[in-house]
Amino acid sequence: MLKSWSHPESETIWSYVGAVVNAGVLLLTIDRWTIDVAAFPLFIFCIASVQVVLVGLKPGPRVNRVRSRRRAVPNSEPVASR
């Protein structure tokens, strides 16, 4: 997750899309829903979905650029008038 946040260009989205589809199909095949049966496919589905967003939309580098711009701008607080 951290690598996908900080360096999404080093990842490929298709492996995570495949994991989402795989877990989704597996969830559709469950006959009797119990925690034992559904927990792992649900976990994979959720984590892979987050990875698709992180790698596909690349929010990490955008947030870092905004943070660095805010740090570069000097703090200009208004001076209190007398």
PDB file of N, CA and C in Angstrom:
ATOM      1  N   MET A   1       0.818  -1.192   0.000  1.00  0.00           N
ATOM      2  CA  MET A   1       0.000   0.000   0.000  1.00  0.00           C
ATOM      3  C   MET A   1       0.870   1.266   0.000  1.00  0.00           C
ATOM      4  N   LEU A   2       1.899   1.254   0.836  1.00  0.00           N
ATOM      5  CA  LEU A   2       2.763   2.433   0.899  1.00  0.00           C
ATOM      6  C   LEU A   2       3.479   2.684  -0.420  1.00  0.00           C
ATOM      7  N   LYS A   3       3.943   1.619  -1.042  1.00  0.00           N
ATOM      8  CA  LYS A   3       4.631   1.776  -2.331  1.00  0.00           C
ATOM      9  C   LYS A   3       3.655   2.259  -3.398  1.00  0.00           C
ATOM     10  N   SER A   4       2.433   1.748  -3.385  1.00  0.00           N
ATOM     11  CA  SER A   4       1.432   2.197  -4.351  1.00  0.00           C
ATOM     12  C   SER A   4       1.058   3.653  -4.122  1.00  0.00           C
ATOM     13  N   TRP A   5       1.137   4.113  -2.884  1.00  0.00           N
ATOM     14  CA  TRP A   5       0.845   5.512  -2.575  1.00  0.00           C
ATOM     15  C   TRP A   5       1.992   6.412  -3.035  1.00  0.00           C
ATOM     16  N   SER A   6       3.217   6.013  -2.713  1.00  0.00           N
ATOM     17  CA  SER A   6       4.338   6.910  -2.987  1.00  0.00           C
ATOM     18  C   SER A   6       4.919   6.765  -4.390  1.00  0.00           C
ATOM     19  N   HIS A   7       4.893   5.557  -4.972  1.00  0.00           N
ATOM     20  CA  HIS A   7       5.454   5.337  -6.310  1.00  0.00           C
ATOM     21  C   HIS A   7       4.490   4.505  -7.165  1.00  0.00           C
ATOM     22  N   PRO A   8       3.324   5.048  -7.494  1.00  0.00           N
ATOM     23  CA  PRO A   8       2.356   4.263  -8.266  1.00  0.00           C
ATOM     24  C   PRO A   8       2.810   3.951  -9.688  1.00  0.00           C
ATOM     25  N   GLU A   9       3.737   4.728 -10.209  1.00  0.00           N
ATOM     26  CA  GLU A   9       4.206   4.482 -11.578  1.00  0.00           C
ATOM     27  C   GLU A   9       5.007   3.185 -11.674  1.00  0.00           C
ATOM     28  N   SER A  10       5.470   2.664 -10.553  1.00  0.00           N
ATOM     29  CA  SER A  10       6.229   1.417 -10.576  1.00  0.00           C
ATOM     30  C   SER A  10       5.329   0.183 -10.511  1.00  0.00           C
ATOM     31  N   GLU A  11       4.031   0.387 -10.413  1.00  0.00           N
ATOM     32  CA  GLU A  11       3.066  -0.714 -10.335  1.00  0.00           C
ATOM     33  C   GLU A  11       2.270  -0.786 -11.635  1.00  0.00           C
ATOM     34  N   THR A  12       1.650  -1.951 -11.870  1.00  0.00           N
ATOM     35  CA  THR A  12       0.736  -2.088 -13.001  1.00  0.00           C
ATOM     36  C   THR A  12      -0.665  -2.311 -12.465  1.00  0.00           C
ATOM     37  N   ILE A  13      -1.616  -1.617 -13.020  1.00  0.00           N
ATOM     38  CA  ILE A  13      -2.985  -1.669 -12.533  1.00  0.00           C
ATOM     39  C   ILE A  13      -3.661  -2.992 -12.861  1.00  0.00           C
ATOM     40  N   TRP A  14      -3.224  -3.656 -13.922  1.00  0.00           N
ATOM     41  CA  TRP A  14      -3.944  -4.833 -14.409  1.00  0.00           C
ATOM     42  C   TRP A  14      -3.887  -6.022 -13.462  1.00  0.00           C
ATOM     43  N   SER A  15      -2.832  -6.163 -12.717  1.00  0.00           N
ATOM     44  CA  SER A  15      -2.789  -7.264 -11.751  1.00  0.00           C
ATOM     45  C   SER A  15      -3.812  -7.049 -10.641  1.00  0.00           C
ATOM     46  N   TYR A  16      -4.021  -5.811 -10.240  1.00  0.00           N
ATOM     47  CA  TYR A  16      -5.003  -5.515  -9.201  1.00  0.00           C
ATOM     48  C   TYR A  16      -6.430  -5.602  -9.740  1.00  0.00           C
ATOM     49  N   VAL A  17      -6.628  -5.195 -10.978  1.00  0.00           N
ATOM     50  CA  VAL A  17      -7.947  -5.348 -11.600  1.00  0.00           C
ATOM     51  C   VAL A  17      -8.295  -6.839 -11.696  1.00  0.00           C
ATOM     52  N   GLY A  18      -7.314  -7.644 -12.062  1.00  0.00           N
ATOM     53  CA  GLY A  18      -7.528  -9.089 -12.115  1.00  0.00           C
ATOM     54  C   GLY A  18      -7.884  -9.667 -10.759  1.00  0.00           C
ATOM     55  N   ALA A  19      -7.235  -9.181  -9.707  1.00  0.00           N
ATOM     56  CA  ALA A  19      -7.546  -9.653  -8.359  1.00  0.00           C
ATOM     57  C   ALA A  19      -8.960  -9.259  -7.940  1.00  0.00           C
ATOM     58  N   VAL A  20      -9.395  -8.050  -8.315  1.00  0.00           N
ATOM     59  CA  VAL A  20     -10.764  -7.619  -8.004  1.00  0.00           C
ATOM     60  C   VAL A  20     -11.771  -8.502  -8.721  1.00  0.00           C
ATOM     61  N   VAL A  21     -11.546  -8.748 -10.003  1.00  0.00           N
ATOM     62  CA  VAL A  21     -12.455  -9.594 -10.779  1.00  0.00           C
ATOM     63  C   VAL A  21     -12.457 -11.016 -10.215  1.00  0.00           C
ATOM     64  N   ASN A  22     -11.285 -11.538  -9.918  1.00  0.00           N
ATOM     65  CA  ASN A  22     -11.168 -12.882  -9.368  1.00  0.00           C
ATOM     66  C   ASN A  22     -11.937 -13.007  -8.053  1.00  0.00           C
ATOM     67  N   ALA A  23     -11.729 -12.085  -7.139  1.00  0.00           N
ATOM     68  CA  ALA A  23     -12.419 -12.140  -5.853  1.00  0.00           C
ATOM     69  C   ALA A  23     -13.915 -11.919  -6.024  1.00  0.00           C
ATOM     70  N   GLY A  24     -14.302 -11.052  -6.951  1.00  0.00           N
ATOM     71  CA  GLY A  24     -15.723 -10.827  -7.217  1.00  0.00           C
ATOM     72  C   GLY A  24     -16.419 -12.077  -7.723  1.00  0.00           C
ATOM     73  N   VAL A  25     -15.785 -12.773  -8.656  1.00  0.00           N
ATOM     74  CA  VAL A  25     -16.355 -14.028  -9.172  1.00  0.00           C
ATOM     75  C   VAL A  25     -16.423 -15.071  -8.062  1.00  0.00           C
ATOM     76  N   LEU A  26     -15.380 -15.136  -7.260  1.00  0.00           N
ATOM     77  CA  LEU A  26     -15.374 -16.084  -6.148  1.00  0.00           C
ATOM     78  C   LEU A  26     -16.499 -15.777  -5.162  1.00  0.00           C
ATOM     79  N   LEU A  27     -16.737 -14.509  -4.888  1.00  0.00           N
ATOM     80  CA  LEU A  27     -17.835 -14.140  -3.991  1.00  0.00           C
ATOM     81  C   LEU A  27     -19.193 -14.524  -4.584  1.00  0.00           C
ATOM     82  N   LEU A  28     -19.322 -14.447  -5.894  1.00  0.00           N
ATOM     83  CA  LEU A  28     -20.587 -14.825  -6.539  1.00  0.00           C
ATOM     84  C   LEU A  28     -20.843 -16.330  -6.479  1.00  0.00           C
ATOM     85  N   THR A  29     -19.814 -17.116  -6.264  1.00  0.00           N
ATOM     86  CA  THR A  29     -19.986 -18.573  -6.236  1.00  0.00           C
ATOM     87  C   THR A  29     -20.269 -19.127  -4.847  1.00  0.00           C
ATOM     88  N   ILE A  30     -20.277 -18.277  -3.840  1.00  0.00           N
ATOM     89  CA  ILE A  30     -20.498 -18.751  -2.473  1.00  0.00           C
ATOM     90  C   ILE A  30     -21.968 -19.137  -2.306  1.00  0.00           C
ATOM     91  N   ASP A  31     -22.197 -20.391  -1.871  1.00  0.00           N
ATOM     92  CA  ASP A  31     -23.563 -20.882  -1.635  1.00  0.00           C
ATOM     93  C   ASP A  31     -24.046 -20.532  -0.233  1.00  0.00           C
ATOM     94  N   ARG A  32     -23.216 -20.811   0.749  1.00  0.00           N
ATOM     95  CA  ARG A  32     -23.586 -20.564   2.134  1.00  0.00           C
ATOM     96  C   ARG A  32     -22.631 -19.536   2.721  1.00  0.00           C
ATOM     97  N   TRP A  33     -23.133 -18.355   3.010  1.00  0.00           N
ATOM     98  CA  TRP A  33     -22.294 -17.268   3.478  1.00  0.00           C
ATOM     99  C   TRP A  33     -21.990 -17.418   4.964  1.00  0.00           C
ATOM    100  N   THR A  34     -20.750 -17.669   5.256  1.00  0.00           N
ATOM    101  CA  THR A  34     -20.253 -17.660   6.631  1.00  0.00           C
ATOM    102  C   THR A  34     -18.956 -16.864   6.651  1.00  0.00           C
ATOM    103  N   ILE A  35     -18.552 -16.486   7.833  1.00  0.00           N
ATOM    104  CA  ILE A  35     -17.300 -15.733   7.967  1.00  0.00           C
ATOM    105  C   ILE A  35     -16.130 -16.560   7.432  1.00  0.00           C
ATOM    106  N   ASP A  36     -16.154 -17.857   7.741  1.00  0.00           N
ATOM    107  CA  ASP A  36     -15.056 -18.732   7.307  1.00  0.00           C
ATOM    108  C   ASP A  36     -14.911 -18.769   5.794  1.00  0.00           C
ATOM    109  N   VAL A  37     -16.022 -18.736   5.103  1.00  0.00           N
ATOM    110  CA  VAL A  37     -16.005 -18.874   3.644  1.00  0.00           C
ATOM    111  C   VAL A  37     -15.746 -17.534   2.953  1.00  0.00           C
ATOM    112  N   ALA A  38     -16.339 -16.461   3.466  1.00  0.00           N
ATOM    113  CA  ALA A  38     -16.325 -15.190   2.739  1.00  0.00           C
ATOM    114  C   ALA A  38     -15.231 -14.219   3.166  1.00  0.00           C
ATOM    115  N   ALA A  39     -14.604 -14.420   4.306  1.00  0.00           N
ATOM    116  CA  ALA A  39     -13.670 -13.416   4.834  1.00  0.00           C
ATOM    117  C   ALA A  39     -12.485 -13.154   3.899  1.00  0.00           C
ATOM    118  N   PHE A  40     -11.821 -14.210   3.449  1.00  0.00           N
ATOM    119  CA  PHE A  40     -10.633 -13.999   2.620  1.00  0.00           C
ATOM    120  C   PHE A  40     -10.966 -13.384   1.254  1.00  0.00           C
ATOM    121  N   PRO A  41     -11.993 -13.881   0.523  1.00  0.00           N
ATOM    122  CA  PRO A  41     -12.329 -13.209  -0.742  1.00  0.00           C
ATOM    123  C   PRO A  41     -12.757 -11.755  -0.551  1.00  0.00           C
ATOM    124  N   LEU A  42     -13.469 -11.456   0.546  1.00  0.00           N
ATOM    125  CA  LEU A  42     -13.844 -10.065   0.813  1.00  0.00           C
ATOM    126  C   LEU A  42     -12.614  -9.208   1.086  1.00  0.00           C
ATOM    127  N   PHE A  43     -11.672  -9.764   1.825  1.00  0.00           N
ATOM    128  CA  PHE A  43     -10.422  -9.053   2.108  1.00  0.00           C
ATOM    129  C   PHE A  43      -9.677  -8.745   0.816  1.00  0.00           C
ATOM    130  N   ILE A  44      -9.511  -9.746  -0.027  1.00  0.00           N
ATOM    131  CA  ILE A  44      -8.809  -9.552  -1.310  1.00  0.00           C
ATOM    132  C   ILE A  44      -9.550  -8.540  -2.175  1.00  0.00           C
ATOM    133  N   PHE A  45     -10.868  -8.627  -2.231  1.00  0.00           N
ATOM    134  CA  PHE A  45     -11.667  -7.695  -3.022  1.00  0.00           C
ATOM    135  C   PHE A  45     -11.453  -6.261  -2.541  1.00  0.00           C
ATOM    136  N   CYS A  46     -11.501  -6.045  -1.217  1.00  0.00           N
ATOM    137  CA  CYS A  46     -11.348  -4.694  -0.671  1.00  0.00           C
ATOM    138  C   CYS A  46      -9.934  -4.149  -0.880  1.00  0.00           C
ATOM    139  N   ILE A  47      -8.932  -4.941  -0.562  1.00  0.00           N
ATOM    140  CA  ILE A  47      -7.549  -4.478  -0.696  1.00  0.00           C
ATOM    141  C   ILE A  47      -7.188  -4.222  -2.161  1.00  0.00           C
ATOM    142  N   ALA A  48      -7.595  -5.121  -3.041  1.00  0.00           N
ATOM    143  CA  ALA A  48      -7.296  -4.937  -4.466  1.00  0.00           C
ATOM    144  C   ALA A  48      -8.032  -3.720  -5.023  1.00  0.00           C
ATOM    145  N   SER A  49      -9.238  -3.449  -4.535  1.00  0.00           N
ATOM    146  CA  SER A  49      -9.976  -2.255  -4.979  1.00  0.00           C
ATOM    147  C   SER A  49      -9.246  -0.981  -4.566  1.00  0.00           C
ATOM    148  N   VAL A  50      -8.742  -0.959  -3.349  1.00  0.00           N
ATOM    149  CA  VAL A  50      -7.963   0.198  -2.895  1.00  0.00           C
ATOM    150  C   VAL A  50      -6.701   0.347  -3.744  1.00  0.00           C
ATOM    151  N   GLN A  51      -6.055  -0.758  -4.051  1.00  0.00           N
ATOM    152  CA  GLN A  51      -4.847  -0.721  -4.881  1.00  0.00           C
ATOM    153  C   GLN A  51      -5.156  -0.192  -6.280  1.00  0.00           C
ATOM    154  N   VAL A  52      -6.292  -0.578  -6.844  1.00  0.00           N
ATOM    155  CA  VAL A  52      -6.687  -0.068  -8.168  1.00  0.00           C
ATOM    156  C   VAL A  52      -6.814   1.454  -8.117  1.00  0.00           C
ATOM    157  N   VAL A  53      -7.422   1.969  -7.059  1.00  0.00           N
ATOM    158  CA  VAL A  53      -7.564   3.420  -6.925  1.00  0.00           C
ATOM    159  C   VAL A  53      -6.203   4.076  -6.760  1.00  0.00           C
ATOM    160  N   LEU A  54      -5.352   3.510  -5.899  1.00  0.00           N
ATOM    161  CA  LEU A  54      -4.035   4.112  -5.659  1.00  0.00           C
ATOM    162  C   LEU A  54      -3.150   4.105  -6.892  1.00  0.00           C
ATOM    163  N   VAL A  55      -3.163   3.010  -7.629  1.00  0.00           N
ATOM    164  CA  VAL A  55      -2.301   2.905  -8.807  1.00  0.00           C
ATOM    165  C   VAL A  55      -2.924   3.622 -10.008  1.00  0.00           C
ATOM    166  N   GLY A  56      -4.234   3.522 -10.149  1.00  0.00           N
ATOM    167  CA  GLY A  56      -4.896   4.109 -11.311  1.00  0.00           C
ATOM    168  C   GLY A  56      -5.022   5.614 -11.253  1.00  0.00           C
ATOM    169  N   LEU A  57      -5.398   6.145 -10.098  1.00  0.00           N
ATOM    170  CA  LEU A  57      -5.613   7.592  -9.978  1.00  0.00           C
ATOM    171  C   LEU A  57      -4.394   8.359  -9.492  1.00  0.00           C
ATOM    172  N   LYS A  58      -3.423   7.643  -8.924  1.00  0.00           N
ATOM    173  CA  LYS A  58      -2.175   8.235  -8.429  1.00  0.00           C
ATOM    174  C   LYS A  58      -2.413   9.419  -7.488  1.00  0.00           C
ATOM    175  N   PRO A  59      -3.206   9.229  -6.421  1.00  0.00           N
ATOM    176  CA  PRO A  59      -3.456  10.361  -5.513  1.00  0.00           C
ATOM    177  C   PRO A  59      -2.243  10.739  -4.668  1.00  0.00           C
ATOM    178  N   GLY A  60      -1.350   9.808  -4.387  1.00  0.00           N
ATOM    179  CA  GLY A  60      -0.192  10.087  -3.543  1.00  0.00           C
ATOM    180  C   GLY A  60       0.701  11.188  -4.074  1.00  0.00           C
ATOM    181  N   PRO A  61       1.166  11.079  -5.322  1.00  0.00           N
ATOM    182  CA  PRO A  61       2.011  12.158  -5.857  1.00  0.00           C
ATOM    183  C   PRO A  61       1.288  13.505  -5.930  1.00  0.00           C
ATOM    184  N   ARG A  62      -0.008  13.487  -6.187  1.00  0.00           N
ATOM    185  CA  ARG A  62      -0.760  14.754  -6.228  1.00  0.00           C
ATOM    186  C   ARG A  62      -0.797  15.410  -4.861  1.00  0.00           C
ATOM    187  N   VAL A  63      -1.081  14.613  -3.841  1.00  0.00           N
ATOM    188  CA  VAL A  63      -1.128  15.145  -2.479  1.00  0.00           C
ATOM    189  C   VAL A  63       0.242  15.663  -2.076  1.00  0.00           C
ATOM    190  N   ASN A  64       1.288  14.946  -2.420  1.00  0.00           N
ATOM    191  CA  ASN A  64       2.641  15.389  -2.082  1.00  0.00           C
ATOM    192  C   ASN A  64       2.997  16.695  -2.774  1.00  0.00           C
ATOM    193  N   ARG A  65       2.563  16.874  -4.034  1.00  0.00           N
ATOM    194  CA  ARG A  65       2.819  18.145  -4.734  1.00  0.00           C
ATOM    195  C   ARG A  65       2.105  19.296  -4.042  1.00  0.00           C
ATOM    196  N   VAL A  66       0.863  19.077  -3.634  1.00  0.00           N
ATOM    197  CA  VAL A  66       0.106  20.133  -2.954  1.00  0.00           C
ATOM    198  C   VAL A  66       0.772  20.475  -1.625  1.00  0.00           C
ATOM    199  N   ARG A  67       1.195  19.461  -0.893  1.00  0.00           N
ATOM    200  CA  ARG A  67       1.869  19.702   0.393  1.00  0.00           C
ATOM    201  C   ARG A  67       3.162  20.472   0.199  1.00  0.00           C
ATOM    202  N   SER A  68       3.929  20.134  -0.830  1.00  0.00           N
ATOM    203  CA  SER A  68       5.200  20.829  -1.044  1.00  0.00           C
ATOM    204  C   SER A  68       4.964  22.275  -1.476  1.00  0.00           C
ATOM    205  N   ARG A  69       3.907  22.531  -2.218  1.00  0.00           N
ATOM    206  CA  ARG A  69       3.580  23.920  -2.593  1.00  0.00           C
ATOM    207  C   ARG A  69       3.195  24.734  -1.371  1.00  0.00           C
ATOM    208  N   ARG A  70       2.442  24.113  -0.462  1.00  0.00           N
ATOM    209  CA  ARG A  70       2.041  24.832   0.755  1.00  0.00           C
ATOM    210  C   ARG A  70       3.249  25.162   1.620  1.00  0.00           C
ATOM    211  N   ARG A  71       4.232  24.270   1.650  1.00  0.00           N
ATOM    212  CA  ARG A  71       5.438  24.523   2.434  1.00  0.00           C
ATOM    213  C   ARG A  71       6.283  25.621   1.797  1.00  0.00           C
ATOM    214  N   ALA A  72       6.248  25.705   0.468  1.00  0.00           N
ATOM    215  CA  ALA A  72       7.067  26.688  -0.234  1.00  0.00           C
ATOM    216  C   ALA A  72       6.527  28.104  -0.068  1.00  0.00           C
ATOM    217  N   VAL A  73       5.215  28.243   0.119  1.00  0.00           N
ATOM    218  CA  VAL A  73       4.609  29.564   0.278  1.00  0.00           C
ATOM    219  C   VAL A  73       4.866  30.032   1.705  1.00  0.00           C
ATOM    220  N   PRO A  74       5.462  31.226   1.873  1.00  0.00           N
ATOM    221  CA  PRO A  74       5.717  31.715   3.224  1.00  0.00           C
ATOM    222  C   PRO A  74       4.413  31.961   3.968  1.00  0.00           C
ATOM    223  N   ASN A  75       4.463  31.761   5.247  1.00  0.00           N
ATOM    224  CA  ASN A  75       3.281  31.960   6.083  1.00  0.00           C
ATOM    225  C   ASN A  75       2.995  33.459   6.170  1.00  0.00           C
ATOM    226  N   SER A  76       1.920  33.883   5.568  1.00  0.00           N
ATOM    227  CA  SER A  76       1.582  35.295   5.541  1.00  0.00           C
ATOM    228  C   SER A  76       0.353  35.528   6.418  1.00  0.00           C
ATOM    229  N   GLU A  77       0.615  35.689   7.697  1.00  0.00           N
ATOM    230  CA  GLU A  77      -0.475  35.955   8.635  1.00  0.00           C
ATOM    231  C   GLU A  77      -0.728  37.449   8.640  1.00  0.00           C
ATOM    232  N   PRO A  78      -1.994  37.822   8.753  1.00  0.00           N
ATOM    233  CA  PRO A  78      -2.296  39.256   8.784  1.00  0.00           C
ATOM    234  C   PRO A  78      -1.773  39.883  10.088  1.00  0.00           C
ATOM    235  N   VAL A  79      -1.280  41.108   9.940  1.00  0.00           N
ATOM    236  CA  VAL A  79      -0.753  41.851  11.105  1.00  0.00           C
ATOM    237  C   VAL A  79      -1.921  42.542  11.766  1.00  0.00           C
ATOM    238  N   ALA A  80      -2.012  42.410  13.065  1.00  0.00           N
ATOM    239  CA  ALA A  80      -3.117  43.041  13.812  1.00  0.00           C
ATOM    240  C   ALA A  80      -2.919  44.548  13.820  1.00  0.00           C
ATOM    241  N   SER A  81      -3.983  45.268  13.531  1.00  0.00           N
ATOM    242  CA  SER A  81      -3.902  46.740  13.519  1.00  0.00           C
ATOM    243  C   SER A  81      -4.265  47.272  14.899  1.00  0.00           C
ATOM    244  N   ARG A  82      -3.711  48.434  15.230  1.00  0.00           N
ATOM    245  CA  ARG A  82      -3.950  49.024  16.550  1.00  0.00           C
ATOM    246  C   ARG A  82      -5.089  49.953  16.534  1.00  0.00           C
TER     247      ARG A  82
END
